[in-house]
């Protein structure tokens, strides 16, 4: 069974209601569905997620039979499941796991912090200890990148596209940084909160990044670095540019924790902190 398409019975089981209720919601347009050539209703997981968010509905039932392991809660099983699927290069399994957890009411920021990041950390440690080859590490990384891209609809609030009052956010990994998965996760979250996101991602030259901040009048700049702690000058250039636009700069990643950063750059330690920061930044408009 594909976890991204559910039957009426599976949706009813997940939401703890009768099939007639699900059909009534679908016919009334409260939850989107499509019909097979045989006339059976089918529900995309993103549409069920949107319904749950819009109605603040608590998914009370078990996940449908055949649902991904680790999709019923956070913890060790969830991290292990995510790690194993990543190493298999199984992006659909990763999306299914994230979707199942989203339907349980967990925010995507929480899932990135409690599931994806720990799993990626384990994979990185195994690679550093020569327990994984470069090829195996790259397969896992690409699977996660694909899953993050496909998880964008799971992060978005129903009916909240890019909002002009939020302004522009820029997300990048600093020059010399080869890994941009964290930056991609950050871009996913900020898009979900209504920002227009420009994401040059990996190995962005500092001067080019500063120019982009000025041209876009960015209200929020999020920078990441995992391996290169010599980032003070690069971050400083972004801070100087953001000060001219009335924006703010936040940074994250293991290397950022070791770096000597400008006082104006705020170090974040989780995606939930980024989510909180985005609420504050979104209330500000760039200077005209």
Protein backbone atom coordinates (compact mmCIF):
# COMPACT_ATOMS: atom_id res chain seq x y z
CA UNK A 1 0.00 0.00 0.00
CA UNK A 2 1.24 3.50 -0.81
CA UNK A 3 1.11 5.62 2.32
CA UNK A 4 0.47 8.78 0.29
CA UNK A 5 -2.95 7.55 -0.93
CA UNK A 6 -5.56 6.26 1.52
CA UNK A 7 -8.94 4.62 1.17
CA UNK A 8 -12.11 5.84 2.88
CA UNK A 9 -11.80 3.04 5.43
CA UNK A 10 -8.18 3.93 6.21
CA UNK A 11 -9.02 7.60 6.71
CA UNK A 12 -11.97 6.65 8.93
CA UNK A 13 -9.73 4.37 11.02
CA UNK A 14 -7.08 7.06 11.31
CA UNK A 15 -9.55 9.75 12.41
CA UNK A 16 -11.63 7.47 14.61
CA UNK A 17 -14.93 8.02 12.80
CA UNK A 18 -17.24 6.00 10.58
CA UNK A 19 -16.78 5.68 6.85
CA UNK A 20 -20.08 7.49 6.30
CA UNK A 21 -18.70 10.52 8.11
CA UNK A 22 -15.60 10.58 5.91
CA UNK A 23 -17.77 10.29 2.79
CA UNK A 24 -19.97 13.13 4.02
CA UNK A 25 -16.93 15.34 4.64
CA UNK A 26 -15.59 14.52 1.17
CA UNK A 27 -18.91 15.19 -0.56
CA UNK A 28 -19.20 18.52 1.27
CA UNK A 29 -15.69 19.51 0.15
CA UNK A 30 -14.30 19.62 3.68
CA UNK A 31 -11.65 17.05 2.84
CA UNK A 32 -10.42 16.69 -0.73
CA UNK A 33 -10.53 13.37 -2.52
CA UNK A 34 -10.46 11.91 -6.00
CA UNK A 35 -12.23 8.92 -7.48
CA UNK A 36 -10.80 5.84 -9.15
CA UNK A 37 -12.19 4.64 -12.51
CA UNK A 38 -14.40 2.33 -10.43
CA UNK A 39 -15.85 5.29 -8.50
CA UNK A 40 -14.07 4.67 -5.18
CA UNK A 41 -12.94 7.66 -3.17
CA UNK A 42 -9.22 8.00 -2.54
CA UNK A 43 -7.52 10.54 -0.29
CA UNK A 44 -4.06 12.01 -0.66
CA UNK A 45 -2.17 12.11 2.59
CA UNK A 46 -1.38 15.80 2.19
CA UNK A 47 -5.13 16.54 1.98
CA UNK A 48 -5.84 14.50 5.10
CA UNK A 49 -3.05 16.41 6.82
CA UNK A 50 -4.58 19.71 5.71
CA UNK A 51 -7.97 18.63 7.09
CA UNK A 52 -6.42 17.67 10.43
CA UNK A 53 -4.64 21.03 10.68
CA UNK A 54 -7.62 23.10 9.58
CA UNK A 55 -10.05 21.40 11.93
CA UNK A 56 -7.45 20.92 14.68
CA UNK A 57 -8.64 17.34 14.58
CA UNK A 58 -6.83 14.83 16.77
CA UNK A 59 -5.95 11.68 14.82
CA UNK A 60 -7.12 9.15 17.37
CA UNK A 61 -6.91 5.82 15.58
CA UNK A 62 -3.92 3.69 14.62
CA UNK A 63 -2.18 4.31 11.34
CA UNK A 64 -3.56 2.25 8.48
CA UNK A 65 -2.29 -1.31 8.11
CA UNK A 66 0.97 -1.23 6.22
CA UNK A 67 1.94 2.19 7.56
CA UNK A 68 5.62 2.87 8.07
CA UNK A 69 7.40 1.82 11.22
CA UNK A 70 8.27 4.66 13.53
CA UNK A 71 5.28 6.70 12.37
CA UNK A 72 3.20 6.46 15.53
CA UNK A 73 5.43 8.46 17.86
CA UNK A 74 8.81 9.98 18.56
CA UNK A 75 11.71 8.20 20.20
CA UNK A 76 14.32 5.58 19.44
CA UNK A 77 12.18 3.53 17.05
CA UNK A 78 11.39 6.60 14.97
CA UNK A 79 15.06 7.60 14.72
CA UNK A 80 16.16 4.07 13.85
CA UNK A 81 13.45 3.73 11.21
CA UNK A 82 14.44 7.04 9.63
CA UNK A 83 18.11 6.08 9.64
CA UNK A 84 17.50 2.68 8.07
CA UNK A 85 15.27 4.10 5.33
CA UNK A 86 17.86 6.78 4.58
CA UNK A 87 20.62 4.20 4.21
CA UNK A 88 18.39 2.21 1.84
CA UNK A 89 17.87 5.36 -0.22
CA UNK A 90 14.13 4.96 0.35
CA UNK A 91 12.75 8.51 0.10
CA UNK A 92 9.08 7.37 -0.14
CA UNK A 93 9.46 5.55 3.20
CA UNK A 94 10.88 8.72 4.77
CA UNK A 95 7.97 10.78 3.44
CA UNK A 96 5.51 8.19 4.72
CA UNK A 97 7.06 8.25 8.18
CA UNK A 98 7.04 12.05 8.36
CA UNK A 99 3.47 12.15 7.08
CA UNK A 100 2.30 9.64 9.66
CA UNK A 101 3.87 11.64 12.45
CA UNK A 102 2.42 14.89 11.10
CA UNK A 103 -1.03 13.32 11.25
CA UNK A 104 -0.32 12.55 14.89
CA UNK A 105 -0.02 16.27 15.52
CA UNK A 106 3.77 16.70 15.54
CA UNK A 107 5.08 19.81 13.80
CA UNK A 108 7.64 19.41 11.05
CA UNK A 109 10.12 21.40 13.15
CA UNK A 110 9.68 18.85 15.91
CA UNK A 111 10.21 15.98 13.46
CA UNK A 112 13.36 17.55 12.08
CA UNK A 113 14.70 18.01 15.62
CA UNK A 114 13.65 14.70 17.12
CA UNK A 115 13.85 12.29 14.16
CA UNK A 116 15.72 13.53 11.10
CA UNK A 117 18.60 15.34 12.80
CA UNK A 118 19.46 12.50 15.22
CA UNK A 119 19.31 9.96 12.39
CA UNK A 120 21.58 12.08 10.21
CA UNK A 121 23.98 12.53 13.12
CA UNK A 122 24.24 8.76 13.51
CA UNK A 123 24.88 8.34 9.79
CA UNK A 124 27.59 10.99 9.96
CA UNK A 125 29.24 9.27 12.91
CA UNK A 126 29.26 5.92 11.11
CA UNK A 127 30.84 7.56 8.07
CA UNK A 128 33.50 9.22 10.27
CA UNK A 129 34.27 5.84 11.84
CA UNK A 130 34.60 4.25 8.36
CA UNK A 131 31.56 2.07 9.00
CA UNK A 132 29.95 3.58 5.89
CA UNK A 133 31.48 4.33 2.53
CA UNK A 134 31.27 7.74 0.90
CA UNK A 135 28.80 6.26 -1.58
CA UNK A 136 26.55 4.93 1.19
CA UNK A 137 26.60 8.29 2.97
CA UNK A 138 25.72 10.07 -0.27
CA UNK A 139 22.80 7.70 -0.92
CA UNK A 140 21.41 8.43 2.54
CA UNK A 141 21.88 12.18 2.17
CA UNK A 142 20.14 12.27 -1.20
CA UNK A 143 17.19 10.26 0.14
CA UNK A 144 16.74 12.78 2.94
CA UNK A 145 17.05 15.71 0.51
CA UNK A 146 14.34 14.16 -1.68
CA UNK A 147 12.12 13.51 1.36
CA UNK A 148 12.46 17.09 2.61
CA UNK A 149 11.46 18.44 -0.81
CA UNK A 150 8.42 16.15 -0.93
CA UNK A 151 7.47 17.03 2.66
CA UNK A 152 6.82 20.69 1.85
CA UNK A 153 3.03 20.15 1.56
CA UNK A 154 3.07 18.48 4.99
CA UNK A 155 4.51 21.63 6.51
CA UNK A 156 2.17 24.13 4.92
CA UNK A 157 -0.93 25.42 6.60
CA UNK A 158 -4.08 25.05 4.50
CA UNK A 159 -4.77 28.17 2.48
CA UNK A 160 -1.58 29.97 3.53
CA UNK A 161 0.66 30.45 0.49
CA UNK A 162 3.46 33.00 0.36
CA UNK A 163 2.30 36.05 2.31
CA UNK A 164 3.51 39.48 1.20
CA UNK A 165 3.47 40.75 4.78
CA UNK A 166 6.15 38.22 5.76
CA UNK A 167 8.81 39.40 3.31
CA UNK A 168 11.83 37.51 2.01
CA UNK A 169 13.99 35.00 3.85
CA UNK A 170 17.37 33.78 2.61
CA UNK A 171 18.72 30.37 3.55
CA UNK A 172 22.26 29.28 2.78
CA UNK A 173 25.17 27.14 3.86
CA UNK A 174 28.34 29.23 4.18
CA UNK A 175 31.18 29.10 1.67
CA UNK A 176 33.20 25.91 2.04
CA UNK A 177 30.24 23.99 3.49
CA UNK A 178 29.46 20.86 1.49
CA UNK A 179 26.38 19.78 3.43
CA UNK A 180 23.13 21.68 2.96
CA UNK A 181 20.46 19.31 4.32
CA UNK A 182 19.91 21.52 7.37
CA UNK A 183 19.56 24.55 5.09
CA UNK A 184 16.98 22.69 3.01
CA UNK A 185 15.00 21.85 6.14
CA UNK A 186 15.14 25.48 7.21
CA UNK A 187 13.91 26.61 3.79
CA UNK A 188 11.02 24.14 4.02
CA UNK A 189 9.93 25.53 7.39
CA UNK A 190 10.18 29.17 6.35
CA UNK A 191 8.18 28.60 3.17
CA UNK A 192 5.53 26.93 5.31
CA UNK A 193 5.31 30.10 7.40
CA UNK A 194 4.60 32.30 4.41
CA UNK A 195 8.03 33.68 3.57
CA UNK A 196 9.28 34.05 0.03
CA UNK A 197 12.42 31.96 0.38
CA UNK A 198 15.58 32.38 -1.67
CA UNK A 199 17.82 29.38 -1.04
CA UNK A 200 21.26 29.46 -2.67
CA UNK A 201 22.10 26.58 -0.29
CA UNK A 202 25.62 25.07 -0.33
CA UNK A 203 28.94 26.89 -0.72
CA UNK A 204 27.53 30.37 -1.21
CA UNK A 205 30.35 32.95 -1.50
CA UNK A 206 30.07 35.52 1.27
CA UNK A 207 30.08 38.58 -1.00
CA UNK A 208 27.45 37.10 -3.30
CA UNK A 209 25.29 36.29 -0.30
CA UNK A 210 25.59 39.82 1.08
CA UNK A 211 24.60 41.25 -2.32
CA UNK A 212 21.56 38.96 -2.43
CA UNK A 213 20.48 40.09 1.04
CA UNK A 214 20.60 43.73 -0.07
CA UNK A 215 18.84 43.19 -3.41
CA UNK A 216 16.01 41.11 -1.89
CA UNK A 217 15.57 43.34 1.20
CA UNK A 218 15.62 40.17 3.30
CA UNK A 219 13.96 40.29 6.71
CA UNK A 220 15.49 37.00 7.83
CA UNK A 221 18.79 35.32 6.91
CA UNK A 222 19.46 31.76 8.09
CA UNK A 223 22.99 30.38 7.70
CA UNK A 224 24.31 26.91 8.51
CA UNK A 225 27.72 25.29 8.84
CA UNK A 226 28.60 21.82 10.08
CA UNK A 227 32.31 21.47 9.28
CA UNK A 228 33.87 24.92 8.90
CA UNK A 229 34.12 27.01 12.11
CA UNK A 230 36.06 29.80 10.33
CA UNK A 231 32.89 31.62 9.43
CA UNK A 232 33.06 34.82 11.48
CA UNK A 233 33.95 37.06 8.54
CA UNK A 234 31.29 35.51 6.30
CA UNK A 235 28.60 35.84 8.95
CA UNK A 236 29.74 39.39 9.65
CA UNK A 237 29.21 40.36 6.01
CA UNK A 238 25.68 38.97 6.14
CA UNK A 239 24.99 40.84 9.38
CA UNK A 240 26.19 44.12 7.86
CA UNK A 241 23.95 43.63 4.83
CA UNK A 242 20.94 42.61 6.95
CA UNK A 243 21.31 45.68 9.12
CA UNK A 244 20.78 47.80 6.01
CA UNK A 245 17.53 45.98 5.21
CA UNK A 246 16.20 45.94 8.76
CA UNK A 247 16.58 42.16 8.84
CA UNK A 248 18.10 39.71 11.26
CA UNK A 249 20.63 36.90 10.91
CA UNK A 250 20.31 33.53 12.61
CA UNK A 251 22.84 30.70 12.38
CA UNK A 252 22.91 27.02 13.23
CA UNK A 253 24.98 23.87 12.92
CA UNK A 254 27.82 22.21 14.82
CA UNK A 255 30.51 24.46 13.36
CA UNK A 256 28.56 27.61 14.21
CA UNK A 257 28.58 26.55 17.85
CA UNK A 258 32.39 26.59 17.78
CA UNK A 259 32.77 29.80 15.81
CA UNK A 260 33.41 33.33 17.10
CA UNK A 261 30.29 35.01 15.82
CA UNK A 262 29.25 38.68 15.68
CA UNK A 263 26.96 39.63 18.55
CA UNK A 264 24.22 40.49 16.07
CA UNK A 265 24.05 36.89 14.76
CA UNK A 266 21.77 34.74 16.87
CA UNK A 267 22.81 31.12 17.36
CA UNK A 268 19.90 28.69 17.15
CA UNK A 269 20.12 25.13 18.43
CA UNK A 270 16.95 23.65 16.95
CA UNK A 271 14.43 23.97 14.18
CA UNK A 272 11.82 24.81 16.78
CA UNK A 273 13.88 27.86 17.69
CA UNK A 274 13.98 28.78 14.00
CA UNK A 275 10.21 28.43 13.85
CA UNK A 276 9.86 30.77 16.83
CA UNK A 277 12.31 33.24 15.31
CA UNK A 278 10.37 33.22 12.05
CA UNK A 279 7.22 34.36 13.87
CA UNK A 280 9.06 37.44 15.18
CA UNK A 281 10.79 38.20 11.89
CA UNK A 282 7.53 37.82 9.99
CA UNK A 283 5.98 40.66 11.96
CA UNK A 284 8.59 43.06 10.57
CA UNK A 285 8.58 44.54 7.10
CA UNK A 286 11.85 45.41 5.35
CA UNK A 287 12.70 49.06 5.18
CA UNK A 288 11.54 50.80 2.02
